PDB file of N, CA and C in Angstrom:
ATOM      1  N   UNK A   1     188.006 167.358 135.337  1.00  0.00           N
ATOM      2  CA  UNK A   1     188.493 167.568 133.992  1.00  0.00           C
ATOM      3  C   UNK A   1     187.544 168.471 133.204  1.00  0.00           C
ATOM      4  N   UNK A   2     186.249 168.317 133.436  1.00  0.00           N
ATOM      5  CA  UNK A   2     185.293 169.168 132.732  1.00  0.00           C
ATOM      6  C   UNK A   2     185.441 170.623 133.146  1.00  0.00           C
ATOM      7  N   UNK A   3     185.747 170.846 134.408  1.00  0.00           N
ATOM      8  CA  UNK A   3     185.940 172.214 134.892  1.00  0.00           C
ATOM      9  C   UNK A   3     187.149 172.841 134.212  1.00  0.00           C
ATOM     10  N   UNK A   4     188.214 172.061 134.041  1.00  0.00           N
ATOM     11  CA  UNK A   4     189.397 172.578 133.352  1.00  0.00           C
ATOM     12  C   UNK A   4     189.070 172.913 131.902  1.00  0.00           C
ATOM     13  N   UNK A   5     188.224 172.108 131.274  1.00  0.00           N
ATOM     14  CA  UNK A   5     187.852 172.354 129.889  1.00  0.00           C
ATOM     15  C   UNK A   5     186.974 173.593 129.765  1.00  0.00           C
ATOM     16  N   UNK A   6     186.218 173.912 130.807  1.00  0.00           N
ATOM     17  CA  UNK A   6     185.336 175.081 130.777  1.00  0.00           C
ATOM     18  C   UNK A   6     186.091 176.404 130.688  1.00  0.00           C
ATOM     19  N   UNK A   7     187.371 176.413 131.018  1.00  0.00           N
ATOM     20  CA  UNK A   7     188.118 177.672 131.001  1.00  0.00           C
ATOM     21  C   UNK A   7     188.282 178.226 129.588  1.00  0.00           C
ATOM     22  N   UNK A   8     188.071 177.390 128.579  1.00  0.00           N
ATOM     23  CA  UNK A   8     188.168 177.849 127.201  1.00  0.00           C
ATOM     24  C   UNK A   8     186.810 178.351 126.750  1.00  0.00           C
ATOM     25  N   UNK A   9     186.780 179.574 126.309  1.00  0.00           N
ATOM     26  CA  UNK A   9     185.523 180.192 125.903  1.00  0.00           C
ATOM     27  C   UNK A   9     185.319 180.047 124.403  1.00  0.00           C
ATOM     28  N   UNK A  10     184.232 179.380 123.993  1.00  0.00           N
ATOM     29  CA  UNK A  10     183.947 179.304 122.563  1.00  0.00           C
ATOM     30  C   UNK A  10     183.480 180.655 122.063  1.00  0.00           C
ATOM     31  N   UNK A  11     183.540 180.972 120.824  1.00  0.00           N
ATOM     32  CA  UNK A  11     184.040 180.132 119.745  1.00  0.00           C
ATOM     33  C   UNK A  11     185.566 180.211 119.643  1.00  0.00           C
ATOM     34  N   UNK A  12     186.164 179.063 119.391  1.00  0.00           N
ATOM     35  CA  UNK A  12     187.606 178.983 119.221  1.00  0.00           C
ATOM     36  C   UNK A  12     187.936 178.790 117.750  1.00  0.00           C
ATOM     37  N   UNK A  13     189.122 179.158 117.391  1.00  0.00           N
ATOM     38  CA  UNK A  13     189.616 178.854 116.049  1.00  0.00           C
ATOM     39  C   UNK A  13     189.740 177.335 115.966  1.00  0.00           C
ATOM     40  N   UNK A  14     189.424 176.771 114.828  1.00  0.00           N
ATOM     41  CA  UNK A  14     189.400 175.308 114.666  1.00  0.00           C
ATOM     42  C   UNK A  14     190.727 174.677 115.071  1.00  0.00           C
ATOM     43  N   UNK A  15     191.827 175.290 114.722  1.00  0.00           N
ATOM     44  CA  UNK A  15     193.133 174.733 115.068  1.00  0.00           C
ATOM     45  C   UNK A  15     193.351 174.724 116.582  1.00  0.00           C
ATOM     46  N   UNK A  16     192.908 175.782 117.248  1.00  0.00           N
ATOM     47  CA  UNK A  16     193.024 175.845 118.706  1.00  0.00           C
ATOM     48  C   UNK A  16     192.151 174.780 119.365  1.00  0.00           C
ATOM     49  N   UNK A  17     190.924 174.630 118.871  1.00  0.00           N
ATOM     50  CA  UNK A  17     190.019 173.622 119.418  1.00  0.00           C
ATOM     51  C   UNK A  17     190.594 172.227 119.214  1.00  0.00           C
ATOM     52  N   UNK A  18     191.176 171.970 118.044  1.00  0.00           N
ATOM     53  CA  UNK A  18     191.796 170.659 117.780  1.00  0.00           C
ATOM     54  C   UNK A  18     192.953 170.392 118.735  1.00  0.00           C
ATOM     55  N   UNK A  19     193.766 171.399 118.997  1.00  0.00           N
ATOM     56  CA  UNK A  19     194.907 171.233 119.897  1.00  0.00           C
ATOM     57  C   UNK A  19     194.447 170.973 121.330  1.00  0.00           C
ATOM     58  N   UNK A  20     193.422 171.694 121.766  1.00  0.00           N
ATOM     59  CA  UNK A  20     192.891 171.501 123.118  1.00  0.00           C
ATOM     60  C   UNK A  20     192.314 170.097 123.249  1.00  0.00           C
ATOM     61  N   UNK A  21     191.540 169.668 122.250  1.00  0.00           N
ATOM     62  CA  UNK A  21     190.927 168.342 122.310  1.00  0.00           C
ATOM     63  C   UNK A  21     191.989 167.239 122.230  1.00  0.00           C
ATOM     64  N   UNK A  22     193.029 167.431 121.436  1.00  0.00           N
ATOM     65  CA  UNK A  22     194.093 166.433 121.328  1.00  0.00           C
ATOM     66  C   UNK A  22     194.807 166.249 122.663  1.00  0.00           C
ATOM     67  N   UNK A  23     194.916 167.313 123.436  1.00  0.00           N
ATOM     68  CA  UNK A  23     195.536 167.223 124.760  1.00  0.00           C
ATOM     69  C   UNK A  23     194.573 166.622 125.786  1.00  0.00           C
ATOM     70  N   UNK A  24     193.315 166.953 125.684  1.00  0.00           N
ATOM     71  CA  UNK A  24     192.305 166.570 126.677  1.00  0.00           C
ATOM     72  C   UNK A  24     191.772 165.154 126.457  1.00  0.00           C
ATOM     73  N   UNK A  25     191.564 164.789 125.217  1.00  0.00           N
ATOM     74  CA  UNK A  25     190.852 163.561 124.868  1.00  0.00           C
ATOM     75  C   UNK A  25     191.475 162.263 125.389  1.00  0.00           C
ATOM     76  N   UNK A  26     192.779 162.018 125.235  1.00  0.00           N
ATOM     77  CA  UNK A  26     193.311 160.722 125.686  1.00  0.00           C
ATOM     78  C   UNK A  26     193.082 160.463 127.177  1.00  0.00           C
ATOM     79  N   UNK A  27     193.299 161.461 127.989  1.00  0.00           N
ATOM     80  CA  UNK A  27     193.099 161.291 129.428  1.00  0.00           C
ATOM     81  C   UNK A  27     191.620 161.105 129.745  1.00  0.00           C
ATOM     82  N   UNK A  28     190.759 161.865 129.066  1.00  0.00           N
ATOM     83  CA  UNK A  28     189.326 161.726 129.269  1.00  0.00           C
ATOM     84  C   UNK A  28     188.865 160.343 128.848  1.00  0.00           C
ATOM     85  N   UNK A  29     189.336 159.841 127.716  1.00  0.00           N
ATOM     86  CA  UNK A  29     188.943 158.519 127.239  1.00  0.00           C
ATOM     87  C   UNK A  29     189.393 157.430 128.209  1.00  0.00           C
ATOM     88  N   UNK A  30     190.603 157.558 128.759  1.00  0.00           N
ATOM     89  CA  UNK A  30     191.082 156.572 129.725  1.00  0.00           C
ATOM     90  C   UNK A  30     190.139 156.507 130.921  1.00  0.00           C
ATOM     91  N   UNK A  31     189.840 157.662 131.508  1.00  0.00           N
ATOM     92  CA  UNK A  31     189.012 157.666 132.709  1.00  0.00           C
ATOM     93  C   UNK A  31     187.566 157.295 132.402  1.00  0.00           C
ATOM     94  N   UNK A  32     187.067 157.617 131.229  1.00  0.00           N
ATOM     95  CA  UNK A  32     185.721 157.216 130.856  1.00  0.00           C
ATOM     96  C   UNK A  32     185.654 155.700 130.686  1.00  0.00           C
ATOM     97  N   UNK A  33     186.669 155.109 130.057  1.00  0.00           N
ATOM     98  CA  UNK A  33     186.724 153.654 129.900  1.00  0.00           C
ATOM     99  C   UNK A  33     186.852 152.984 131.257  1.00  0.00           C
ATOM    100  N   UNK A  34     187.702 153.515 132.119  1.00  0.00           N
ATOM    101  CA  UNK A  34     187.894 152.982 133.466  1.00  0.00           C
ATOM    102  C   UNK A  34     186.567 152.991 134.229  1.00  0.00           C
ATOM    103  N   UNK A  35     185.864 154.112 134.161  1.00  0.00           N
ATOM    104  CA  UNK A  35     184.580 154.243 134.858  1.00  0.00           C
ATOM    105  C   UNK A  35     183.564 153.238 134.320  1.00  0.00           C
ATOM    106  N   UNK A  36     183.557 153.039 133.016  1.00  0.00           N
ATOM    107  CA  UNK A  36     182.636 152.087 132.402  1.00  0.00           C
ATOM    108  C   UNK A  36     182.931 150.664 132.857  1.00  0.00           C
ATOM    109  N   UNK A  37     184.192 150.287 132.882  1.00  0.00           N
ATOM    110  CA  UNK A  37     184.590 148.939 133.315  1.00  0.00           C
ATOM    111  C   UNK A  37     184.241 148.721 134.786  1.00  0.00           C
ATOM    112  N   UNK A  38     184.552 149.693 135.630  1.00  0.00           N
ATOM    113  CA  UNK A  38     184.246 149.575 137.059  1.00  0.00           C
ATOM    114  C   UNK A  38     182.740 149.483 137.275  1.00  0.00           C
ATOM    115  N   UNK A  39     181.969 150.240 136.523  1.00  0.00           N
ATOM    116  CA  UNK A  39     180.513 150.170 136.649  1.00  0.00           C
ATOM    117  C   UNK A  39     179.995 148.793 136.242  1.00  0.00           C
ATOM    118  N   UNK A  40     180.556 148.232 135.182  1.00  0.00           N
ATOM    119  CA  UNK A  40     180.152 146.900 134.754  1.00  0.00           C
ATOM    120  C   UNK A  40     180.486 145.837 135.777  1.00  0.00           C
ATOM    121  N   UNK A  41     181.676 145.923 136.354  1.00  0.00           N
ATOM    122  CA  UNK A  41     182.070 144.972 137.399  1.00  0.00           C
ATOM    123  C   UNK A  41     181.152 145.110 138.609  1.00  0.00           C
ATOM    124  N   UNK A  42     180.838 146.328 138.985  1.00  0.00           N
ATOM    125  CA  UNK A  42     179.935 146.569 140.106  1.00  0.00           C
ATOM    126  C   UNK A  42     178.563 145.963 139.843  1.00  0.00           C
ATOM    127  N   UNK A  43     178.055 146.134 138.645  1.00  0.00           N
ATOM    128  CA  UNK A  43     176.769 145.558 138.287  1.00  0.00           C
ATOM    129  C   UNK A  43     176.805 144.032 138.384  1.00  0.00           C
ATOM    130  N   UNK A  44     177.879 143.419 137.897  1.00  0.00           N
ATOM    131  CA  UNK A  44     178.019 141.963 138.004  1.00  0.00           C
ATOM    132  C   UNK A  44     178.050 141.511 139.463  1.00  0.00           C
ATOM    133  N   UNK A  45     178.800 142.217 140.289  1.00  0.00           N
ATOM    134  CA  UNK A  45     178.893 141.843 141.698  1.00  0.00           C
ATOM    135  C   UNK A  45     177.545 141.972 142.401  1.00  0.00           C
ATOM    136  N   UNK A  46     176.801 143.006 142.095  1.00  0.00           N
ATOM    137  CA  UNK A  46     175.471 143.159 142.674  1.00  0.00           C
ATOM    138  C   UNK A  46     174.567 142.025 142.198  1.00  0.00           C
ATOM    139  N   UNK A  47     174.659 141.676 140.925  1.00  0.00           N
ATOM    140  CA  UNK A  47     173.878 140.566 140.405  1.00  0.00           C
ATOM    141  C   UNK A  47     174.209 139.262 141.104  1.00  0.00           C
ATOM    142  N   UNK A  48     175.496 138.987 141.294  1.00  0.00           N
ATOM    143  CA  UNK A  48     175.909 137.774 142.011  1.00  0.00           C
ATOM    144  C   UNK A  48     175.409 137.787 143.453  1.00  0.00           C
ATOM    145  N   UNK A  49     175.498 138.944 144.096  1.00  0.00           N
ATOM    146  CA  UNK A  49     175.037 139.051 145.481  1.00  0.00           C
ATOM    147  C   UNK A  49     173.535 138.804 145.580  1.00  0.00           C
ATOM    148  N   UNK A  50     172.763 139.355 144.669  1.00  0.00           N
ATOM    149  CA  UNK A  50     171.320 139.125 144.687  1.00  0.00           C
ATOM    150  C   UNK A  50     170.989 137.665 144.407  1.00  0.00           C
ATOM    151  N   UNK A  51     171.725 137.051 143.519  1.00  0.00           N
ATOM    152  CA  UNK A  51     171.510 135.642 143.203  1.00  0.00           C
ATOM    153  C   UNK A  51     171.840 134.757 144.403  1.00  0.00           C
ATOM    154  N   UNK A  52     172.829 135.149 145.189  1.00  0.00           N
ATOM    155  CA  UNK A  52     173.296 134.346 146.324  1.00  0.00           C
ATOM    156  C   UNK A  52     172.417 134.520 147.568  1.00  0.00           C
ATOM    157  N   UNK A  53     171.517 135.482 147.564  1.00  0.00           N
ATOM    158  CA  UNK A  53     170.653 135.685 148.715  1.00  0.00           C
ATOM    159  C   UNK A  53     169.790 134.435 148.942  1.00  0.00           C
ATOM    160  N   UNK A  54     169.540 134.108 150.216  1.00  0.00           N
ATOM    161  CA  UNK A  54     168.661 132.973 150.478  1.00  0.00           C
ATOM    162  C   UNK A  54     167.250 133.256 149.961  1.00  0.00           C
ATOM    163  N   UNK A  55     166.628 132.238 149.424  1.00  0.00           N
ATOM    164  CA  UNK A  55     165.269 132.374 148.892  1.00  0.00           C
ATOM    165  C   UNK A  55     164.251 132.146 150.004  1.00  0.00           C
ATOM    166  N   UNK A  56     163.207 132.950 150.006  1.00  0.00           N
ATOM    167  CA  UNK A  56     162.108 132.745 150.960  1.00  0.00           C
ATOM    168  C   UNK A  56     161.092 131.825 150.320  1.00  0.00           C
ATOM    169  N   UNK A  57     160.519 130.984 151.131  1.00  0.00           N
ATOM    170  CA  UNK A  57     159.516 130.048 150.616  1.00  0.00           C
ATOM    171  C   UNK A  57     158.141 130.637 150.598  1.00  0.00           C
TER     172      UNK A  57
END
């Protein structure tokens, strides 16, 4: 998605920039939120796995 956004060369007219961002932002926000949630779940799972490891005496 960032590569697609790079095709626009600044400086843009404010109205053009607003239109591009309005089209780009919702999809970017969805995938950014998705990535954040998956990362959090992964961190929890790693924490549980480390907690479940047998302890050495």
